N, C-alpha and C. Protein backbone atom coordinates (compact mmCIF):
# COMPACT_ATOMS: atom_id res chain seq x y z
N UNK A 1 0.68 -1.16 0.08
CA UNK A 1 -0.02 -0.06 -0.20
C UNK A 1 0.78 1.21 0.04
N UNK A 2 2.06 1.41 0.85
CA UNK A 2 2.89 2.37 1.04
C UNK A 2 3.36 2.78 -0.42
N UNK A 3 3.93 1.62 -1.13
CA UNK A 3 4.42 1.92 -2.41
C UNK A 3 3.59 2.39 -3.57
N UNK A 4 2.28 1.99 -3.49
CA UNK A 4 1.14 2.63 -4.27
C UNK A 4 0.99 4.08 -3.99
N UNK A 5 0.82 4.31 -2.73
CA UNK A 5 0.71 5.80 -2.48
C UNK A 5 1.74 6.66 -2.77
N UNK A 6 2.95 6.17 -2.61
CA UNK A 6 4.09 6.96 -3.09
C UNK A 6 4.26 7.08 -4.60
N UNK A 7 3.78 6.30 -5.29
CA UNK A 7 3.59 6.50 -6.76
C UNK A 7 2.48 7.61 -7.07
N UNK A 8 1.39 7.32 -6.40
CA UNK A 8 0.22 8.35 -6.59
C UNK A 8 0.67 9.83 -6.39
N UNK A 9 1.47 9.78 -5.08
CA UNK A 9 1.79 11.30 -4.69
C UNK A 9 3.07 11.70 -5.70
N UNK A 10 3.89 10.90 -6.13
CA UNK A 10 4.75 11.34 -7.19
C UNK A 10 4.10 11.86 -8.43
N UNK A 11 3.37 11.11 -9.03
CA UNK A 11 2.57 11.63 -10.22
C UNK A 11 1.85 12.82 -10.14
N UNK A 12 1.20 13.15 -8.75
CA UNK A 12 0.47 14.22 -8.52
C UNK A 12 1.52 15.55 -8.58
N UNK A 13 2.43 15.18 -7.57
CA UNK A 13 3.17 16.31 -7.55
C UNK A 13 4.11 16.70 -8.85
N UNK A 14 4.39 15.78 -9.93
CA UNK A 14 4.86 16.02 -11.24
C UNK A 14 3.90 16.84 -11.93
N UNK A 15 2.67 16.71 -11.85
CA UNK A 15 1.43 17.39 -12.90
C UNK A 15 0.98 18.30 -11.89
N UNK A 16 1.47 18.84 -10.86
CA UNK A 16 1.13 20.09 -10.04
C UNK A 16 1.22 21.34 -10.69
N UNK A 17 0.25 22.04 -10.46
CA UNK A 17 0.06 23.53 -11.43
C UNK A 17 0.09 24.57 -10.22
N UNK A 18 0.73 25.51 -9.76
CA UNK A 18 0.35 26.40 -8.82
C UNK A 18 -0.43 27.58 -9.26
N UNK A 19 -1.10 27.65 -10.53
CA UNK A 19 -1.83 28.47 -10.70
C UNK A 19 -3.33 28.06 -10.90
N UNK A 20 -3.65 26.66 -10.66
CA UNK A 20 -4.90 26.08 -10.91
C UNK A 20 -5.10 24.92 -10.04
N UNK A 21 -6.34 24.47 -9.75
CA UNK A 21 -6.52 23.14 -9.08
C UNK A 21 -6.31 22.16 -10.29
N UNK A 22 -5.84 21.09 -9.96
CA UNK A 22 -6.15 19.95 -11.02
C UNK A 22 -6.71 18.88 -10.35
N UNK A 23 -7.31 17.69 -11.15
CA UNK A 23 -8.12 16.72 -10.61
C UNK A 23 -7.97 15.67 -11.21
N UNK A 24 -8.70 14.46 -10.46
CA UNK A 24 -8.97 13.32 -11.38
C UNK A 24 -9.25 12.12 -10.38
N UNK A 25 -8.87 10.93 -11.01
CA UNK A 25 -9.18 9.89 -10.11
C UNK A 25 -8.08 9.07 -10.15
N UNK A 26 -7.98 8.02 -8.90
CA UNK A 26 -7.44 7.02 -8.61
C UNK A 26 -8.02 5.65 -8.82
N UNK A 27 -7.89 5.00 -9.77
CA UNK A 27 -8.70 3.59 -10.11
C UNK A 27 -8.09 2.76 -9.38
N UNK A 28 -9.13 1.51 -9.18
CA UNK A 28 -8.76 0.48 -8.18
C UNK A 28 -7.17 -0.31 -8.45
N UNK A 29 -7.12 -0.16 -9.81
CA UNK A 29 -5.62 -0.75 -10.15
C UNK A 29 -4.46 0.37 -9.86
N UNK A 30 -4.97 1.12 -9.21
CA UNK A 30 -4.02 2.32 -8.80
C UNK A 30 -3.51 3.27 -10.02
N UNK A 31 -4.04 3.27 -11.23
CA UNK A 31 -3.84 3.96 -12.19
C UNK A 31 -4.21 5.52 -11.72
N UNK A 32 -3.45 6.38 -12.05
CA UNK A 32 -3.92 7.81 -11.68
C UNK A 32 -4.39 8.49 -13.15
N UNK A 33 -5.54 8.93 -13.07
CA UNK A 33 -6.04 9.63 -14.41
C UNK A 33 -6.38 11.24 -13.94
N UNK A 34 -5.74 12.03 -14.80
CA UNK A 34 -5.94 13.37 -14.61
C UNK A 34 -7.34 13.78 -15.60
N UNK A 35 -8.23 14.48 -14.80
CA UNK A 35 -9.36 14.84 -15.77
C UNK A 35 -9.23 16.45 -15.66
N UNK A 36 -9.59 16.99 -16.94
CA UNK A 36 -9.52 18.38 -17.28
C UNK A 36 -10.24 19.10 -16.38
N UNK A 37 -9.63 20.25 -15.66
CA UNK A 37 -10.66 21.10 -14.88
C UNK A 37 -11.29 22.03 -15.71
N UNK A 38 -12.49 22.25 -15.77
CA UNK A 38 -13.36 23.07 -16.75
C UNK A 38 -13.78 24.46 -16.03
N UNK A 39 -13.56 24.31 -14.47
CA UNK A 39 -13.92 25.67 -13.67
C UNK A 39 -13.53 26.84 -14.27
N UNK A 40 -14.38 27.95 -14.12
CA UNK A 40 -14.05 29.26 -14.46
C UNK A 40 -13.15 29.87 -13.35
N UNK A 41 -13.15 29.41 -12.13
CA UNK A 41 -12.42 29.82 -11.00
C UNK A 41 -11.38 28.51 -10.69
N UNK A 42 -10.91 28.14 -11.44
CA UNK A 42 -9.82 26.94 -11.28
C UNK A 42 -8.73 27.10 -10.22
N UNK A 43 -8.25 28.45 -9.77
CA UNK A 43 -7.49 28.71 -8.67
C UNK A 43 -8.16 28.19 -7.56
N UNK A 44 -9.43 28.12 -7.27
CA UNK A 44 -9.80 27.99 -5.89
C UNK A 44 -10.75 26.69 -6.09
N UNK A 45 -11.31 26.02 -7.08
CA UNK A 45 -11.92 24.95 -6.99
C UNK A 45 -11.92 24.30 -8.52
N UNK A 46 -12.48 22.86 -8.48
CA UNK A 46 -12.40 22.23 -9.63
C UNK A 46 -13.94 21.67 -10.22
N UNK A 47 -13.97 21.53 -11.34
CA UNK A 47 -14.96 20.91 -11.97
C UNK A 47 -14.46 20.02 -12.98
N UNK A 48 -14.85 18.74 -12.97
CA UNK A 48 -14.28 17.87 -13.79
C UNK A 48 -14.87 17.91 -15.09
N UNK A 49 -14.36 17.87 -16.18
CA UNK A 49 -14.90 17.84 -17.67
C UNK A 49 -15.73 16.60 -17.80
N UNK A 50 -17.12 16.46 -17.88
CA UNK A 50 -17.84 15.35 -17.82
C UNK A 50 -17.54 14.15 -18.94
N UNK A 51 -17.18 14.70 -20.05
CA UNK A 51 -16.86 13.87 -20.99
C UNK A 51 -15.60 13.18 -20.50
N UNK A 52 -14.53 13.75 -20.14
CA UNK A 52 -13.27 13.15 -19.67
C UNK A 52 -13.69 12.26 -18.55
N UNK A 53 -14.40 12.62 -17.68
CA UNK A 53 -15.03 11.81 -16.47
C UNK A 53 -15.77 10.61 -17.05
N UNK A 54 -16.47 10.53 -17.80
CA UNK A 54 -17.11 9.50 -18.29
C UNK A 54 -16.16 8.38 -18.95
N UNK A 55 -15.18 8.86 -19.76
CA UNK A 55 -14.23 7.90 -20.39
C UNK A 55 -13.36 7.38 -19.45
N UNK A 56 -12.91 8.21 -18.23
CA UNK A 56 -12.24 7.40 -17.37
C UNK A 56 -12.85 6.42 -16.61
N UNK A 57 -14.20 6.78 -16.16
CA UNK A 57 -14.95 5.71 -15.37
C UNK A 57 -15.34 4.49 -16.18
N UNK A 58 -15.26 4.46 -17.51
CA UNK A 58 -15.37 3.37 -18.53
C UNK A 58 -14.06 2.41 -18.26
N UNK A 59 -13.07 2.77 -17.63
CA UNK A 59 -11.79 1.84 -17.44
C UNK A 59 -12.09 1.05 -16.43
N UNK A 60 -12.92 1.36 -15.34
CA UNK A 60 -13.20 0.62 -14.33
C UNK A 60 -13.54 1.57 -13.07
N UNK A 61 -13.64 0.93 -12.00
CA UNK A 61 -14.25 1.54 -10.80
C UNK A 61 -13.24 2.61 -10.33
N UNK A 62 -13.66 3.77 -9.59
CA UNK A 62 -12.80 4.72 -9.13
C UNK A 62 -12.83 4.47 -7.77
N UNK A 63 -11.46 4.27 -7.24
CA UNK A 63 -11.08 4.24 -5.89
C UNK A 63 -11.15 5.53 -5.01
N UNK A 64 -10.57 6.50 -5.50
CA UNK A 64 -10.29 7.87 -4.92
C UNK A 64 -10.54 8.92 -5.95
N UNK A 65 -11.09 10.10 -5.57
CA UNK A 65 -10.96 11.42 -6.32
C UNK A 65 -10.19 12.31 -5.81
N UNK A 66 -9.26 12.64 -6.40
CA UNK A 66 -8.15 13.43 -6.04
C UNK A 66 -8.14 14.87 -6.61
N UNK A 67 -7.81 15.87 -6.08
CA UNK A 67 -7.65 17.26 -6.57
C UNK A 67 -6.45 18.03 -5.52
N UNK A 68 -6.10 19.27 -6.01
CA UNK A 68 -5.02 19.76 -5.44
C UNK A 68 -5.57 21.30 -4.90
N UNK A 69 -4.77 21.77 -3.88
CA UNK A 69 -5.25 23.04 -3.27
C UNK A 69 -3.95 23.72 -3.54
N UNK A 70 -3.65 24.67 -4.41
CA UNK A 70 -2.27 25.35 -4.87
C UNK A 70 -1.96 26.13 -3.60
N UNK A 71 -2.85 26.95 -2.99
CA UNK A 71 -2.62 27.77 -2.03
C UNK A 71 -3.06 27.62 -0.75
N UNK A 72 -3.72 26.45 -0.44
CA UNK A 72 -4.46 26.30 1.00
C UNK A 72 -3.93 24.83 1.39
N UNK A 73 -4.35 24.49 2.58
CA UNK A 73 -4.07 23.11 3.18
C UNK A 73 -4.95 21.97 2.52
N UNK A 74 -4.36 20.97 2.79
CA UNK A 74 -5.25 19.73 2.26
C UNK A 74 -6.46 19.39 2.98
N UNK A 75 -6.98 20.30 3.21
CA UNK A 75 -8.73 20.21 3.96
C UNK A 75 -9.78 20.62 2.95
N UNK A 76 -10.77 19.61 3.02
CA UNK A 76 -11.74 19.93 2.32
C UNK A 76 -12.49 21.32 2.34
N UNK A 77 -12.59 22.01 1.40
CA UNK A 77 -13.38 23.39 1.64
C UNK A 77 -14.51 23.10 1.60
N UNK A 78 -15.52 24.48 1.49
CA UNK A 78 -16.88 24.33 1.69
C UNK A 78 -17.30 23.94 0.11
N UNK A 79 -16.81 24.23 -0.96
CA UNK A 79 -17.02 23.80 -1.98
C UNK A 79 -16.88 22.55 -2.28
N UNK A 80 -15.75 21.89 -1.68
CA UNK A 80 -15.48 20.63 -1.92
C UNK A 80 -16.79 19.78 -1.00
N UNK A 81 -17.08 20.24 0.11
CA UNK A 81 -18.16 19.56 0.53
C UNK A 81 -19.57 19.48 -0.25
N UNK A 82 -19.81 20.69 -0.73
CA UNK A 82 -20.92 20.97 -1.65
C UNK A 82 -20.93 20.00 -2.62
N UNK A 83 -19.88 19.71 -3.31
CA UNK A 83 -19.91 18.80 -4.58
C UNK A 83 -19.45 17.37 -4.16
N UNK A 84 -19.16 17.20 -3.01
CA UNK A 84 -18.84 15.63 -2.54
C UNK A 84 -19.97 14.62 -2.81
N UNK A 85 -19.41 13.36 -3.06
CA UNK A 85 -20.35 12.17 -3.30
C UNK A 85 -20.45 11.31 -2.06
N UNK A 86 -21.37 11.09 -1.46
CA UNK A 86 -21.45 10.13 -0.35
C UNK A 86 -20.58 8.86 -0.44
N UNK A 87 -19.87 8.46 0.47
CA UNK A 87 -19.23 7.14 0.53
C UNK A 87 -18.24 7.03 -0.31
N UNK A 88 -17.42 8.34 -0.61
CA UNK A 88 -16.53 8.35 -1.66
C UNK A 88 -14.86 8.80 -0.77
N UNK A 89 -14.01 8.28 -1.19
CA UNK A 89 -12.62 8.83 -0.59
C UNK A 89 -12.25 9.90 -1.61
N UNK A 90 -11.69 10.90 -0.97
CA UNK A 90 -10.93 12.14 -1.54
C UNK A 90 -9.50 12.31 -1.02
N UNK A 91 -8.70 12.59 -1.91
CA UNK A 91 -7.23 12.78 -1.78
C UNK A 91 -7.01 14.36 -2.09
N UNK A 92 -6.54 15.05 -1.19
CA UNK A 92 -6.13 16.32 -1.49
C UNK A 92 -4.59 16.69 -1.21
N UNK A 93 -4.09 17.26 -2.27
CA UNK A 93 -2.59 17.78 -2.06
C UNK A 93 -2.43 19.16 -2.02
N UNK A 94 -1.71 19.59 -0.93
CA UNK A 94 -1.58 20.85 -0.55
C UNK A 94 -0.19 21.40 -1.24
N UNK A 95 -0.41 22.18 -2.28
CA UNK A 95 1.11 22.92 -2.68
C UNK A 95 1.44 23.85 -1.62
N UNK A 96 0.65 24.54 -0.96
CA UNK A 96 1.25 25.22 0.26
C UNK A 96 2.01 24.49 1.28
N UNK A 97 1.58 23.45 1.49
CA UNK A 97 2.43 22.68 2.84
C UNK A 97 3.02 21.61 2.33
N UNK A 98 3.02 21.08 0.87
CA UNK A 98 3.48 20.01 0.13
C UNK A 98 3.20 18.75 1.05
N UNK A 99 1.92 18.53 1.09
CA UNK A 99 1.27 17.38 2.13
C UNK A 99 0.08 16.71 1.42
N UNK A 100 -0.10 15.49 1.56
CA UNK A 100 -1.19 14.88 1.14
C UNK A 100 -2.22 14.32 2.21
N UNK A 101 -3.31 14.53 2.20
CA UNK A 101 -4.47 14.05 3.18
C UNK A 101 -5.51 13.46 2.44
N UNK A 102 -6.06 12.43 3.37
CA UNK A 102 -7.02 11.28 2.55
C UNK A 102 -8.25 11.75 3.37
N UNK A 103 -9.47 11.72 2.91
CA UNK A 103 -10.75 12.05 3.42
C UNK A 103 -12.05 11.09 3.09
N UNK A 104 -12.82 10.87 3.99
CA UNK A 104 -13.85 9.95 3.58
C UNK A 104 -15.10 10.69 3.80
N UNK A 105 -15.89 11.03 2.55
CA UNK A 105 -17.34 11.65 2.78
C UNK A 105 -18.59 10.99 3.28
N UNK A 106 -19.13 11.06 4.50
CA UNK A 106 -20.16 10.03 4.70
C UNK A 106 -21.32 10.43 4.52
N UNK A 107 -21.47 11.75 3.57
CA UNK A 107 -22.83 12.32 3.14
C UNK A 107 -23.12 13.54 3.99
N UNK A 108 -22.45 13.75 5.24
CA UNK A 108 -22.78 14.91 6.10
C UNK A 108 -21.30 15.39 6.39
N UNK A 109 -20.34 14.89 6.65
CA UNK A 109 -18.93 15.41 6.73
C UNK A 109 -17.66 14.64 6.07
N UNK A 110 -16.86 15.14 6.29
CA UNK A 110 -15.51 14.85 6.08
C UNK A 110 -14.90 14.32 7.30
N UNK A 111 -14.28 12.73 6.87
CA UNK A 111 -13.55 12.12 8.19
C UNK A 111 -12.14 11.76 7.49
N UNK A 112 -11.15 12.21 8.23
CA UNK A 112 -9.94 12.05 7.73
C UNK A 112 -9.59 10.60 7.84
N UNK A 113 -8.72 9.90 7.05
CA UNK A 113 -8.49 8.62 6.96
C UNK A 113 -6.84 8.64 6.95
N UNK A 114 -6.37 7.42 7.19
CA UNK A 114 -4.90 7.13 7.37
C UNK A 114 -4.42 6.96 5.69
N UNK A 115 -3.35 7.95 5.22
CA UNK A 115 -2.98 7.82 3.67
C UNK A 115 -1.71 7.04 3.93
């Protein structure tokens, strides 16, 4: 598990963009897929391109939804909560603190999990 986590972290760091949030999926085979962020305010939140999202989900089940916070901590924002899917894992990378945190959304609140 640790090796897979390190691989995911390395790939997200390599793709990191300090001027906008990037996002995507970690599939159950641990493939990292980046989905285009089509938000008009990409520096503060993400909106996944629906066509790319469907193509990615056709590859298999999604294990984790990931995104970056270029200038904030790896804590879910109000916008993250309003867009969250119940019973889903969310991995957030903070460019500000250079850290990753994993969260589970239970439909009401985010619960931090071990990453």
